[in-house]
Each structure stands twice: as structure tokens, then as C-alpha cells.
Amino acid sequence: MTRNGERQIIKAEHVNGGRGYILKEALLKSEELGEHCKMFTLVTIPAGCELGYHQHHGETETYYILHGEGIYNDNGKEMPVQAGDVLFCKDGNGHGIKNSGEYDLSFVALILLV
């Protein structure tokens, strides 16, 4: 178990070549993830920033958008996204996301090993 306000928030700049920075807050401790879960993290992208395009090999990644709006790059195809949307990047594919709004874009990111 982790509690709000007790988890460490990490600022990462130019992630995967993206503009600006993102904030990452691991929602579970590494020992709680299990053998098939690589990451379960709250990601916040400030206005004007982005998480650059990247590919996944041997894993999948799902984003569940909590707040804000953005542009999601799904293998080179861009589409608008907003709170409530769920995005899935399967093994061997690539994706990225940028904040296109004036407020923070926040989502839960889940990486599972295949």
C-alpha cells in the first residue's frame, strides 16, 4: 500500500526526446509490482510538454487519462484524447503523448511484460 502525499514524485526532462518535462509518481513499490508488471505510475504532463514517441518490445503499455487533454501518437497516427479515454500500445508498437491543453494532463500508465 502507498498513500497520497507519501509517494516520491520524480521530474524527468525530455523523456524519449519529448519537449519539456513530465512528473512520475510510482503508485506501487517495486516489490509490489509482481513478475509481470514493470510499471504502475501516475504521470503528469504540464501544458506545452510531451512524452516523446517510443516503442515497446516484450511489453505492452496502457494509459488511462484522468485529467486534461492531449494529442496521442499511435504508431504515427495522431488523435485527440481527454479524461476518461483508455489507450493501449501493444508489444512491438510505438506511441507518445503531448499536452495540448492549458492545464496538466494526468494519466495512469501500466506496463505489463508479455
PDB file of N, CA and C in Angstrom:
ATOM      1  N   MET A   1       0.837  -1.178   0.000  1.00  0.00           N
ATOM      2  CA  MET A   1       0.000   0.000   0.000  1.00  0.00           C
ATOM      3  C   MET A   1       0.880   1.239   0.000  1.00  0.00           C
ATOM      4  N   THR A   2       0.455   2.225  -0.750  1.00  0.00           N
ATOM      5  CA  THR A   2       1.088   3.532  -0.697  1.00  0.00           C
ATOM      6  C   THR A   2       0.004   4.563  -0.428  1.00  0.00           C
ATOM      7  N   ARG A   3       0.384   5.688   0.143  1.00  0.00           N
ATOM      8  CA  ARG A   3      -0.593   6.729   0.493  1.00  0.00           C
ATOM      9  C   ARG A   3      -0.285   8.018  -0.260  1.00  0.00           C
ATOM     10  N   ASN A   4      -1.366   8.702  -0.623  1.00  0.00           N
ATOM     11  CA  ASN A   4      -1.246  10.002  -1.270  1.00  0.00           C
ATOM     12  C   ASN A   4      -0.426  10.933  -0.381  1.00  0.00           C
ATOM     13  N   GLY A   5       0.490  11.642  -0.995  1.00  0.00           N
ATOM     14  CA  GLY A   5       1.338  12.574  -0.264  1.00  0.00           C
ATOM     15  C   GLY A   5       2.610  11.955   0.292  1.00  0.00           C
ATOM     16  N   GLU A   6       2.681  10.618   0.317  1.00  0.00           N
ATOM     17  CA  GLU A   6       3.865   9.935   0.824  1.00  0.00           C
ATOM     18  C   GLU A   6       4.740   9.374  -0.291  1.00  0.00           C
ATOM     19  N   ARG A   7       4.213   9.331  -1.517  1.00  0.00           N
ATOM     20  CA  ARG A   7       4.976   8.769  -2.642  1.00  0.00           C
ATOM     21  C   ARG A   7       5.921   9.827  -3.211  1.00  0.00           C
ATOM     22  N   GLN A   8       7.051   9.371  -3.714  1.00  0.00           N
ATOM     23  CA  GLN A   8       8.039  10.266  -4.317  1.00  0.00           C
ATOM     24  C   GLN A   8       7.601  10.643  -5.728  1.00  0.00           C
ATOM     25  N   ILE A   9       7.731  11.926  -6.060  1.00  0.00           N
ATOM     26  CA  ILE A   9       7.437  12.417  -7.400  1.00  0.00           C
ATOM     27  C   ILE A   9       8.764  12.767  -8.063  1.00  0.00           C
ATOM     28  N   ILE A  10       8.992  12.158  -9.237  1.00  0.00           N
ATOM     29  CA  ILE A  10      10.258  12.352  -9.960  1.00  0.00           C
ATOM     30  C   ILE A  10      10.010  13.208 -11.193  1.00  0.00           C
ATOM     31  N   LYS A  11      10.798  14.241 -11.344  1.00  0.00           N
ATOM     32  CA  LYS A  11      10.742  15.095 -12.530  1.00  0.00           C
ATOM     33  C   LYS A  11      11.729  14.540 -13.548  1.00  0.00           C
ATOM     34  N   ALA A  12      11.231  14.239 -14.748  1.00  0.00           N
ATOM     35  CA  ALA A  12      12.082  13.699 -15.820  1.00  0.00           C
ATOM     36  C   ALA A  12      11.979  14.634 -17.021  1.00  0.00           C
ATOM     37  N   GLU A  13      13.121  15.114 -17.492  1.00  0.00           N
ATOM     38  CA  GLU A  13      13.138  16.069 -18.606  1.00  0.00           C
ATOM     39  C   GLU A  13      13.396  15.377 -19.930  1.00  0.00           C
ATOM     40  N   HIS A  14      12.737  15.881 -20.977  1.00  0.00           N
ATOM     41  CA  HIS A  14      12.927  15.430 -22.364  1.00  0.00           C
ATOM     42  C   HIS A  14      12.828  13.908 -22.505  1.00  0.00           C
ATOM     43  N   VAL A  15      11.789  13.323 -21.895  1.00  0.00           N
ATOM     44  CA  VAL A  15      11.611  11.868 -21.919  1.00  0.00           C
ATOM     45  C   VAL A  15      11.370  11.395 -23.353  1.00  0.00           C
ATOM     46  N   ASN A  16      12.172  10.456 -23.792  1.00  0.00           N
ATOM     47  CA  ASN A  16      12.122   9.933 -25.167  1.00  0.00           C
ATOM     48  C   ASN A  16      12.194  11.052 -26.201  1.00  0.00           C
ATOM     49  N   GLY A  17      12.954  12.089 -25.899  1.00  0.00           N
ATOM     50  CA  GLY A  17      13.144  13.203 -26.822  1.00  0.00           C
ATOM     51  C   GLY A  17      12.010  14.209 -26.825  1.00  0.00           C
ATOM     52  N   GLY A  18      11.072  14.071 -25.896  1.00  0.00           N
ATOM     53  CA  GLY A  18       9.927  14.981 -25.842  1.00  0.00           C
ATOM     54  C   GLY A  18      10.291  16.349 -25.309  1.00  0.00           C
ATOM     55  N   ARG A  19       9.435  17.319 -25.614  1.00  0.00           N
ATOM     56  CA  ARG A  19       9.619  18.708 -25.191  1.00  0.00           C
ATOM     57  C   ARG A  19       9.268  18.859 -23.705  1.00  0.00           C
ATOM     58  N   GLY A  20      10.087  19.587 -22.970  1.00  0.00           N
ATOM     59  CA  GLY A  20       9.792  19.898 -21.581  1.00  0.00           C
ATOM     60  C   GLY A  20      10.053  18.736 -20.637  1.00  0.00           C
ATOM     61  N   TYR A  21       9.134  18.548 -19.688  1.00  0.00           N
ATOM     62  CA  TYR A  21       9.330  17.529 -18.666  1.00  0.00           C
ATOM     63  C   TYR A  21       8.004  16.869 -18.300  1.00  0.00           C
ATOM     64  N   ILE A  22       8.114  15.742 -17.595  1.00  0.00           N
ATOM     65  CA  ILE A  22       6.956  15.064 -17.034  1.00  0.00           C
ATOM     66  C   ILE A  22       7.238  14.791 -15.560  1.00  0.00           C
ATOM     67  N   LEU A  23       6.187  14.524 -14.810  1.00  0.00           N
ATOM     68  CA  LEU A  23       6.305  14.122 -13.414  1.00  0.00           C
ATOM     69  C   LEU A  23       5.810  12.693 -13.296  1.00  0.00           C
ATOM     70  N   LYS A  24       6.586  11.838 -12.607  1.00  0.00           N
ATOM     71  CA  LYS A  24       6.225  10.429 -12.442  1.00  0.00           C
ATOM     72  C   LYS A  24       6.101  10.114 -10.955  1.00  0.00           C
ATOM     73  N   GLU A  25       4.991   9.468 -10.608  1.00  0.00           N
ATOM     74  CA  GLU A  25       4.733   9.077  -9.224  1.00  0.00           C
ATOM     75  C   GLU A  25       4.371   7.599  -9.201  1.00  0.00           C
ATOM     76  N   ALA A  26       5.307   6.751  -8.792  1.00  0.00           N
ATOM     77  CA  ALA A  26       5.056   5.311  -8.736  1.00  0.00           C
ATOM     78  C   ALA A  26       3.945   5.044  -7.730  1.00  0.00           C
ATOM     79  N   LEU A  27       2.905   4.319  -8.163  1.00  0.00           N
ATOM     80  CA  LEU A  27       1.755   4.056  -7.309  1.00  0.00           C
ATOM     81  C   LEU A  27       1.942   2.817  -6.442  1.00  0.00           C
ATOM     82  N   LEU A  28       2.835   1.935  -6.852  1.00  0.00           N
ATOM     83  CA  LEU A  28       3.195   0.758  -6.061  1.00  0.00           C
ATOM     84  C   LEU A  28       4.706   0.705  -5.911  1.00  0.00           C
ATOM     85  N   LYS A  29       5.156   0.132  -4.813  1.00  0.00           N
ATOM     86  CA  LYS A  29       6.586  -0.087  -4.617  1.00  0.00           C
ATOM     87  C   LYS A  29       7.036  -1.199  -5.558  1.00  0.00           C
ATOM     88  N   SER A  30       8.300  -1.201  -5.931  1.00  0.00           N
ATOM     89  CA  SER A  30       8.801  -2.183  -6.893  1.00  0.00           C
ATOM     90  C   SER A  30       8.525  -3.618  -6.451  1.00  0.00           C
ATOM     91  N   GLU A  31       8.633  -3.894  -5.166  1.00  0.00           N
ATOM     92  CA  GLU A  31       8.388  -5.257  -4.690  1.00  0.00           C
ATOM     93  C   GLU A  31       6.908  -5.644  -4.743  1.00  0.00           C
ATOM     94  N   GLU A  32       6.024  -4.679  -4.952  1.00  0.00           N
ATOM     95  CA  GLU A  32       4.591  -4.960  -5.042  1.00  0.00           C
ATOM     96  C   GLU A  32       4.119  -5.187  -6.484  1.00  0.00           C
ATOM     97  N   LEU A  33       4.963  -4.906  -7.453  1.00  0.00           N
ATOM     98  CA  LEU A  33       4.558  -4.984  -8.850  1.00  0.00           C
ATOM     99  C   LEU A  33       4.365  -6.412  -9.354  1.00  0.00           C
ATOM    100  N   GLY A  34       5.077  -7.367  -8.802  1.00  0.00           N
ATOM    101  CA  GLY A  34       4.987  -8.740  -9.284  1.00  0.00           C
ATOM    102  C   GLY A  34       5.891  -8.963 -10.481  1.00  0.00           C
ATOM    103  N   GLU A  35       5.897 -10.186 -10.975  1.00  0.00           N
ATOM    104  CA  GLU A  35       6.844 -10.531 -12.033  1.00  0.00           C
ATOM    105  C   GLU A  35       6.422 -10.078 -13.423  1.00  0.00           C
ATOM    106  N   HIS A  36       5.148  -9.753 -13.642  1.00  0.00           N
ATOM    107  CA  HIS A  36       4.681  -9.381 -14.975  1.00  0.00           C
ATOM    108  C   HIS A  36       4.390  -7.893 -15.132  1.00  0.00           C
ATOM    109  N   CYS A  37       4.472  -7.149 -14.046  1.00  0.00           N
ATOM    110  CA  CYS A  37       4.198  -5.713 -14.097  1.00  0.00           C
ATOM    111  C   CYS A  37       5.502  -4.948 -13.956  1.00  0.00           C
ATOM    112  N   LYS A  38       5.811  -4.149 -14.966  1.00  0.00           N
ATOM    113  CA  LYS A  38       7.048  -3.368 -14.957  1.00  0.00           C
ATOM    114  C   LYS A  38       6.823  -1.983 -14.345  1.00  0.00           C
ATOM    115  N   MET A  39       5.601  -1.422 -14.553  1.00  0.00           N
ATOM    116  CA  MET A  39       5.349  -0.063 -14.074  1.00  0.00           C
ATOM    117  C   MET A  39       3.857   0.160 -13.863  1.00  0.00           C
ATOM    118  N   PHE A  40       3.522   0.841 -12.761  1.00  0.00           N
ATOM    119  CA  PHE A  40       2.165   1.290 -12.464  1.00  0.00           C
ATOM    120  C   PHE A  40       2.334   2.668 -11.857  1.00  0.00           C
ATOM    121  N   THR A  41       2.198   3.719 -12.679  1.00  0.00           N
ATOM    122  CA  THR A  41       2.651   5.056 -12.322  1.00  0.00           C
ATOM    123  C   THR A  41       1.643   6.118 -12.729  1.00  0.00           C
ATOM    124  N   LEU A  42       1.520   7.143 -11.898  1.00  0.00           N
ATOM    125  CA  LEU A  42       0.761   8.336 -12.257  1.00  0.00           C
ATOM    126  C   LEU A  42       1.723   9.276 -12.978  1.00  0.00           C
ATOM    127  N   VAL A  43       1.367   9.655 -14.194  1.00  0.00           N
ATOM    128  CA  VAL A  43       2.198  10.551 -14.997  1.00  0.00           C
ATOM    129  C   VAL A  43       1.452  11.871 -15.175  1.00  0.00           C
ATOM    130  N   THR A  44       2.153  12.969 -14.958  1.00  0.00           N
ATOM    131  CA  THR A  44       1.577  14.298 -15.183  1.00  0.00           C
ATOM    132  C   THR A  44       2.451  15.022 -16.188  1.00  0.00           C
ATOM    133  N   ILE A  45       1.793  15.548 -17.227  1.00  0.00           N
ATOM    134  CA  ILE A  45       2.494  16.311 -18.257  1.00  0.00           C
ATOM    135  C   ILE A  45       1.957  17.745 -18.212  1.00  0.00           C
ATOM    136  N   PRO A  46       2.795  18.714 -17.836  1.00  0.00           N
ATOM    137  CA  PRO A  46       2.346  20.100 -17.805  1.00  0.00           C
ATOM    138  C   PRO A  46       2.022  20.636 -19.206  1.00  0.00           C
ATOM    139  N   ALA A  47       1.275  21.719 -19.244  1.00  0.00           N
ATOM    140  CA  ALA A  47       0.928  22.365 -20.516  1.00  0.00           C
ATOM    141  C   ALA A  47       2.193  22.645 -21.319  1.00  0.00           C
ATOM    142  N   GLY A  48       2.145  22.347 -22.617  1.00  0.00           N
ATOM    143  CA  GLY A  48       3.270  22.597 -23.502  1.00  0.00           C
ATOM    144  C   GLY A  48       4.352  21.533 -23.488  1.00  0.00           C
ATOM    145  N   CYS A  49       4.201  20.515 -22.669  1.00  0.00           N
ATOM    146  CA  CYS A  49       5.211  19.463 -22.570  1.00  0.00           C
ATOM    147  C   CYS A  49       4.707  18.175 -23.212  1.00  0.00           C
ATOM    148  N   GLU A  50       5.616  17.202 -23.375  1.00  0.00           N
ATOM    149  CA  GLU A  50       5.230  15.943 -24.003  1.00  0.00           C
ATOM    150  C   GLU A  50       6.133  14.799 -23.552  1.00  0.00           C
ATOM    151  N   LEU A  51       5.609  13.602 -23.722  1.00  0.00           N
ATOM    152  CA  LEU A  51       6.355  12.366 -23.549  1.00  0.00           C
ATOM    153  C   LEU A  51       6.598  11.868 -24.967  1.00  0.00           C
ATOM    154  N   GLY A  52       7.842  11.860 -25.402  1.00  0.00           N
ATOM    155  CA  GLY A  52       8.176  11.575 -26.791  1.00  0.00           C
ATOM    156  C   GLY A  52       7.815  10.176 -27.258  1.00  0.00           C
ATOM    157  N   TYR A  53       7.733  10.048 -28.561  1.00  0.00           N
ATOM    158  CA  TYR A  53       7.397   8.774 -29.204  1.00  0.00           C
ATOM    159  C   TYR A  53       8.456   7.721 -28.869  1.00  0.00           C
ATOM    160  N   HIS A  54       7.987   6.515 -28.528  1.00  0.00           N
ATOM    161  CA  HIS A  54       8.882   5.403 -28.207  1.00  0.00           C
ATOM    162  C   HIS A  54       8.174   4.092 -28.513  1.00  0.00           C
ATOM    163  N   GLN A  55       8.950   3.028 -28.677  1.00  0.00           N
ATOM    164  CA  GLN A  55       8.394   1.711 -28.987  1.00  0.00           C
ATOM    165  C   GLN A  55       8.526   0.785 -27.789  1.00  0.00           C
ATOM    166  N   HIS A  56       7.657  -0.219 -27.768  1.00  0.00           N
ATOM    167  CA  HIS A  56       7.687  -1.226 -26.701  1.00  0.00           C
ATOM    168  C   HIS A  56       8.015  -2.585 -27.299  1.00  0.00           C
ATOM    169  N   HIS A  57       8.940  -3.277 -26.667  1.00  0.00           N
ATOM    170  CA  HIS A  57       9.356  -4.612 -27.106  1.00  0.00           C
ATOM    171  C   HIS A  57       9.311  -5.536 -25.896  1.00  0.00           C
ATOM    172  N   GLY A  58       8.526  -6.612 -25.987  1.00  0.00           N
ATOM    173  CA  GLY A  58       8.388  -7.545 -24.887  1.00  0.00           C
ATOM    174  C   GLY A  58       7.456  -7.054 -23.792  1.00  0.00           C
ATOM    175  N   GLU A  59       6.678  -6.011 -24.100  1.00  0.00           N
ATOM    176  CA  GLU A  59       5.773  -5.429 -23.113  1.00  0.00           C
ATOM    177  C   GLU A  59       4.654  -4.657 -23.805  1.00  0.00           C
ATOM    178  N   THR A  60       3.594  -4.387 -23.047  1.00  0.00           N
ATOM    179  CA  THR A  60       2.505  -3.531 -23.510  1.00  0.00           C
ATOM    180  C   THR A  60       2.403  -2.346 -22.563  1.00  0.00           C
ATOM    181  N   GLU A  61       1.775  -1.268 -23.016  1.00  0.00           N
ATOM    182  CA  GLU A  61       1.542  -0.131 -22.121  1.00  0.00           C
ATOM    183  C   GLU A  61       0.138   0.406 -22.339  1.00  0.00           C
ATOM    184  N   THR A  62      -0.537   0.663 -21.227  1.00  0.00           N
ATOM    185  CA  THR A  62      -1.884   1.231 -21.234  1.00  0.00           C
ATOM    186  C   THR A  62      -1.864   2.565 -20.504  1.00  0.00           C
ATOM    187  N   TYR A  63      -2.528   3.573 -21.077  1.00  0.00           N
ATOM    188  CA  TYR A  63      -2.724   4.863 -20.419  1.00  0.00           C
ATOM    189  C   TYR A  63      -4.209   5.006 -20.113  1.00  0.00           C
ATOM    190  N   TYR A  64      -4.539   5.404 -18.900  1.00  0.00           N
ATOM    191  CA  TYR A  64      -5.907   5.768 -18.529  1.00  0.00           C
ATOM    192  C   TYR A  64      -5.876   7.251 -18.188  1.00  0.00           C
ATOM    193  N   ILE A  65      -6.476   8.083 -19.055  1.00  0.00           N
ATOM    194  CA  ILE A  65      -6.418   9.535 -18.905  1.00  0.00           C
ATOM    195  C   ILE A  65      -7.360   9.971 -17.773  1.00  0.00           C
ATOM    196  N   LEU A  66      -6.802  10.671 -16.783  1.00  0.00           N
ATOM    197  CA  LEU A  66      -7.575  11.131 -15.626  1.00  0.00           C
ATOM    198  C   LEU A  66      -8.021  12.578 -15.755  1.00  0.00           C
ATOM    199  N   HIS A  67      -7.119  13.450 -16.212  1.00  0.00           N
ATOM    200  CA  HIS A  67      -7.397  14.889 -16.288  1.00  0.00           C
ATOM    201  C   HIS A  67      -6.726  15.466 -17.523  1.00  0.00           C
ATOM    202  N   GLY A  68      -7.330  16.498 -18.069  1.00  0.00           N
ATOM    203  CA  GLY A  68      -6.719  17.248 -19.146  1.00  0.00           C
ATOM    204  C   GLY A  68      -7.024  16.698 -20.523  1.00  0.00           C
ATOM    205  N   GLU A  69      -6.288  17.237 -21.477  1.00  0.00           N
ATOM    206  CA  GLU A  69      -6.458  16.829 -22.871  1.00  0.00           C
ATOM    207  C   GLU A  69      -5.113  16.844 -23.568  1.00  0.00           C
ATOM    208  N   GLY A  70      -5.011  16.028 -24.609  1.00  0.00           N
ATOM    209  CA  GLY A  70      -3.740  15.948 -25.298  1.00  0.00           C
ATOM    210  C   GLY A  70      -3.879  15.378 -26.693  1.00  0.00           C
ATOM    211  N   ILE A  71      -2.731  15.166 -27.314  1.00  0.00           N
ATOM    212  CA  ILE A  71      -2.639  14.536 -28.632  1.00  0.00           C
ATOM    213  C   ILE A  71      -1.815  13.266 -28.444  1.00  0.00           C
ATOM    214  N   TYR A  72      -2.418  12.124 -28.780  1.00  0.00           N
ATOM    215  CA  TYR A  72      -1.780  10.828 -28.639  1.00  0.00           C
ATOM    216  C   TYR A  72      -1.269  10.383 -29.994  1.00  0.00           C
ATOM    217  N   ASN A  73      -0.022   9.942 -30.049  1.00  0.00           N
ATOM    218  CA  ASN A  73       0.589   9.435 -31.272  1.00  0.00           C
ATOM    219  C   ASN A  73       0.592   7.905 -31.192  1.00  0.00           C
ATOM    220  N   ASP A  74      -0.236   7.277 -32.011  1.00  0.00           N
ATOM    221  CA  ASP A  74      -0.359   5.821 -32.051  1.00  0.00           C
ATOM    222  C   ASP A  74       0.283   5.329 -33.345  1.00  0.00           C
ATOM    223  N   ASN A  75       1.551   4.943 -33.269  1.00  0.00           N
ATOM    224  CA  ASN A  75       2.290   4.474 -34.454  1.00  0.00           C
ATOM    225  C   ASN A  75       2.270   5.477 -35.599  1.00  0.00           C
ATOM    226  N   GLY A  76       2.408   6.758 -35.273  1.00  0.00           N
ATOM    227  CA  GLY A  76       2.455   7.799 -36.290  1.00  0.00           C
ATOM    228  C   GLY A  76       1.115   8.449 -36.589  1.00  0.00           C
ATOM    229  N   LYS A  77       0.031   7.891 -36.087  1.00  0.00           N
ATOM    230  CA  LYS A  77      -1.301   8.481 -36.279  1.00  0.00           C
ATOM    231  C   LYS A  77      -1.662   9.265 -35.029  1.00  0.00           C
ATOM    232  N   GLU A  78      -1.878  10.571 -35.187  1.00  0.00           N
ATOM    233  CA  GLU A  78      -2.209  11.418 -34.043  1.00  0.00           C
ATOM    234  C   GLU A  78      -3.711  11.541 -33.867  1.00  0.00           C
ATOM    235  N   MET A  79      -4.143  11.554 -32.595  1.00  0.00           N
ATOM    236  CA  MET A  79      -5.562  11.697 -32.298  1.00  0.00           C
ATOM    237  C   MET A  79      -5.732  12.440 -30.979  1.00  0.00           C
ATOM    238  N   PRO A  80      -6.799  13.243 -30.863  1.00  0.00           N
ATOM    239  CA  PRO A  80      -7.048  13.937 -29.599  1.00  0.00           C
ATOM    240  C   PRO A  80      -7.529  12.956 -28.532  1.00  0.00           C
ATOM    241  N   VAL A  81      -7.129  13.205 -27.284  1.00  0.00           N
ATOM    242  CA  VAL A  81      -7.556  12.390 -26.150  1.00  0.00           C
ATOM    243  C   VAL A  81      -7.958  13.313 -25.007  1.00  0.00           C
ATOM    244  N   GLN A  82      -8.783  12.766 -24.114  1.00  0.00           N
ATOM    245  CA  GLN A  82      -9.254  13.542 -22.963  1.00  0.00           C
ATOM    246  C   GLN A  82      -9.547  12.613 -21.798  1.00  0.00           C
ATOM    247  N   ALA A  83      -9.893  13.208 -20.660  1.00  0.00           N
ATOM    248  CA  ALA A  83     -10.185  12.438 -19.452  1.00  0.00           C
ATOM    249  C   ALA A  83     -11.221  11.360 -19.743  1.00  0.00           C
ATOM    250  N   GLY A  84     -10.937  10.150 -19.251  1.00  0.00           N
ATOM    251  CA  GLY A  84     -11.819   9.004 -19.445  1.00  0.00           C
ATOM    252  C   GLY A  84     -11.381   8.076 -20.553  1.00  0.00           C
ATOM    253  N   ASP A  85     -10.514   8.549 -21.443  1.00  0.00           N
ATOM    254  CA  ASP A  85     -10.028   7.703 -22.541  1.00  0.00           C
ATOM    255  C   ASP A  85      -8.997   6.704 -22.022  1.00  0.00           C
ATOM    256  N   VAL A  86      -8.998   5.507 -22.619  1.00  0.00           N
ATOM    257  CA  VAL A  86      -8.007   4.481 -22.319  1.00  0.00           C
ATOM    258  C   VAL A  86      -7.279   4.143 -23.613  1.00  0.00           C
ATOM    259  N   LEU A  87      -5.953   4.178 -23.583  1.00  0.00           N
ATOM    260  CA  LEU A  87      -5.121   3.978 -24.766  1.00  0.00           C
ATOM    261  C   LEU A  87      -4.233   2.768 -24.532  1.00  0.00           C
ATOM    262  N   PHE A  88      -4.074   1.941 -25.565  1.00  0.00           N
ATOM    263  CA  PHE A  88      -3.305   0.711 -25.428  1.00  0.00           C
ATOM    264  C   PHE A  88      -2.255   0.631 -26.530  1.00  0.00           C
ATOM    265  N   CYS A  89      -1.013   0.388 -26.133  1.00  0.00           N
ATOM    266  CA  CYS A  89       0.091   0.198 -27.066  1.00  0.00           C
ATOM    267  C   CYS A  89       0.546  -1.245 -26.941  1.00  0.00           C
ATOM    268  N   LYS A  90       0.324  -2.027 -27.996  1.00  0.00           N
ATOM    269  CA  LYS A  90       0.676  -3.442 -27.913  1.00  0.00           C
ATOM    270  C   LYS A  90       2.169  -3.657 -28.185  1.00  0.00           C
ATOM    271  N   ASP A  91       2.624  -4.833 -27.827  1.00  0.00           N
ATOM    272  CA  ASP A  91       4.012  -5.229 -27.999  1.00  0.00           C
ATOM    273  C   ASP A  91       4.448  -5.022 -29.450  1.00  0.00           C
ATOM    274  N   GLY A  92       5.584  -4.363 -29.649  1.00  0.00           N
ATOM    275  CA  GLY A  92       6.119  -4.109 -30.980  1.00  0.00           C
ATOM    276  C   GLY A  92       5.665  -2.797 -31.590  1.00  0.00           C
ATOM    277  N   ASN A  93       4.721  -2.108 -30.972  1.00  0.00           N
ATOM    278  CA  ASN A  93       4.232  -0.831 -31.485  1.00  0.00           C
ATOM    279  C   ASN A  93       4.834   0.326 -30.705  1.00  0.00           C
ATOM    280  N   GLY A  94       4.541   1.547 -31.164  1.00  0.00           N
ATOM    281  CA  GLY A  94       5.065   2.742 -30.524  1.00  0.00           C
ATOM    282  C   GLY A  94       3.988   3.768 -30.272  1.00  0.00           C
ATOM    283  N   HIS A  95       4.301   4.695 -29.350  1.00  0.00           N
ATOM    284  CA  HIS A  95       3.353   5.759 -29.017  1.00  0.00           C
ATOM    285  C   HIS A  95       4.071   6.908 -28.316  1.00  0.00           C
ATOM    286  N   GLY A  96       3.361   8.002 -28.186  1.00  0.00           N
ATOM    287  CA  GLY A  96       3.809   9.178 -27.457  1.00  0.00           C
ATOM    288  C   GLY A  96       2.583  10.026 -27.174  1.00  0.00           C
ATOM    289  N   ILE A  97       2.733  11.025 -26.304  1.00  0.00           N
ATOM    290  CA  ILE A  97       1.590  11.873 -25.962  1.00  0.00           C
ATOM    291  C   ILE A  97       2.077  13.265 -25.592  1.00  0.00           C
ATOM    292  N   LYS A  98       1.320  14.270 -26.031  1.00  0.00           N
ATOM    293  CA  LYS A  98       1.668  15.645 -25.667  1.00  0.00           C
ATOM    294  C   LYS A  98       0.447  16.350 -25.104  1.00  0.00           C
ATOM    295  N   ASN A  99       0.702  17.258 -24.203  1.00  0.00           N
ATOM    296  CA  ASN A  99      -0.357  18.043 -23.597  1.00  0.00           C
ATOM    297  C   ASN A  99      -0.700  19.172 -24.554  1.00  0.00           C
ATOM    298  N   SER A 100      -1.935  19.183 -25.035  1.00  0.00           N
ATOM    299  CA  SER A 100      -2.374  20.227 -25.962  1.00  0.00           C
ATOM    300  C   SER A 100      -3.281  21.239 -25.283  1.00  0.00           C
ATOM    301  N   GLY A 101      -3.504  21.083 -23.990  1.00  0.00           N
ATOM    302  CA  GLY A 101      -4.395  21.984 -23.259  1.00  0.00           C
ATOM    303  C   GLY A 101      -3.632  23.007 -22.447  1.00  0.00           C
ATOM    304  N   GLU A 102      -4.381  23.748 -21.651  1.00  0.00           N
ATOM    305  CA  GLU A 102      -3.764  24.778 -20.805  1.00  0.00           C
ATOM    306  C   GLU A 102      -3.549  24.308 -19.370  1.00  0.00           C
ATOM    307  N   TYR A 103      -4.076  23.130 -19.039  1.00  0.00           N
ATOM    308  CA  TYR A 103      -3.922  22.560 -17.705  1.00  0.00           C
ATOM    309  C   TYR A 103      -3.117  21.265 -17.789  1.00  0.00           C
ATOM    310  N   ASP A 104      -2.699  20.730 -16.644  1.00  0.00           N
ATOM    311  CA  ASP A 104      -1.957  19.474 -16.610  1.00  0.00           C
ATOM    312  C   ASP A 104      -2.749  18.338 -17.261  1.00  0.00           C
ATOM    313  N   LEU A 105      -2.037  17.462 -17.946  1.00  0.00           N
ATOM    314  CA  LEU A 105      -2.580  16.212 -18.477  1.00  0.00           C
ATOM    315  C   LEU A 105      -2.052  15.109 -17.563  1.00  0.00           C
ATOM    316  N   SER A 106      -2.947  14.362 -16.908  1.00  0.00           N
ATOM    317  CA  SER A 106      -2.546  13.309 -15.981  1.00  0.00           C
ATOM    318  C   SER A 106      -3.156  11.990 -16.391  1.00  0.00           C
ATOM    319  N   PHE A 107      -2.365  10.920 -16.263  1.00  0.00           N
ATOM    320  CA  PHE A 107      -2.864   9.585 -16.587  1.00  0.00           C
ATOM    321  C   PHE A 107      -2.114   8.535 -15.790  1.00  0.00           C
ATOM    322  N   VAL A 108      -2.765   7.385 -15.632  1.00  0.00           N
ATOM    323  CA  VAL A 108      -2.117   6.229 -15.036  1.00  0.00           C
ATOM    324  C   VAL A 108      -1.511   5.426 -16.169  1.00  0.00           C
ATOM    325  N   ALA A 109      -0.231   5.066 -16.043  1.00  0.00           N
ATOM    326  CA  ALA A 109       0.472   4.266 -17.043  1.00  0.00           C
ATOM    327  C   ALA A 109       0.774   2.898 -16.429  1.00  0.00           C
ATOM    328  N   LEU A 110       0.434   1.861 -17.186  1.00  0.00           N
ATOM    329  CA  LEU A 110       0.646   0.478 -16.748  1.00  0.00           C
ATOM    330  C   LEU A 110       1.437  -0.249 -17.813  1.00  0.00           C
ATOM    331  N   ILE A 111       2.623  -0.744 -17.467  1.00  0.00           N
ATOM    332  CA  ILE A 111       3.425  -1.539 -18.390  1.00  0.00           C
ATOM    333  C   ILE A 111       3.434  -2.966 -17.888  1.00  0.00           C
ATOM    334  N   LEU A 112       2.989  -3.895 -18.774  1.00  0.00           N
ATOM    335  CA  LEU A 112       2.973  -5.316 -18.461  1.00  0.00           C
ATOM    336  C   LEU A 112       3.905  -6.061 -19.400  1.00  0.00           C
ATOM    337  N   LEU A 113       4.672  -6.975 -18.860  1.00  0.00           N
ATOM    338  CA  LEU A 113       5.568  -7.808 -19.668  1.00  0.00           C
ATOM    339  C   LEU A 113       4.753  -8.911 -20.341  1.00  0.00           C
ATOM    340  N   VAL A 114       5.100  -9.223 -21.595  1.00  0.00           N
ATOM    341  CA  VAL A 114       4.374 -10.282 -22.334  1.00  0.00           C
ATOM    342  C   VAL A 114       5.225 -11.527 -22.450  1.00  0.00           C
TER     343      VAL A 114
END
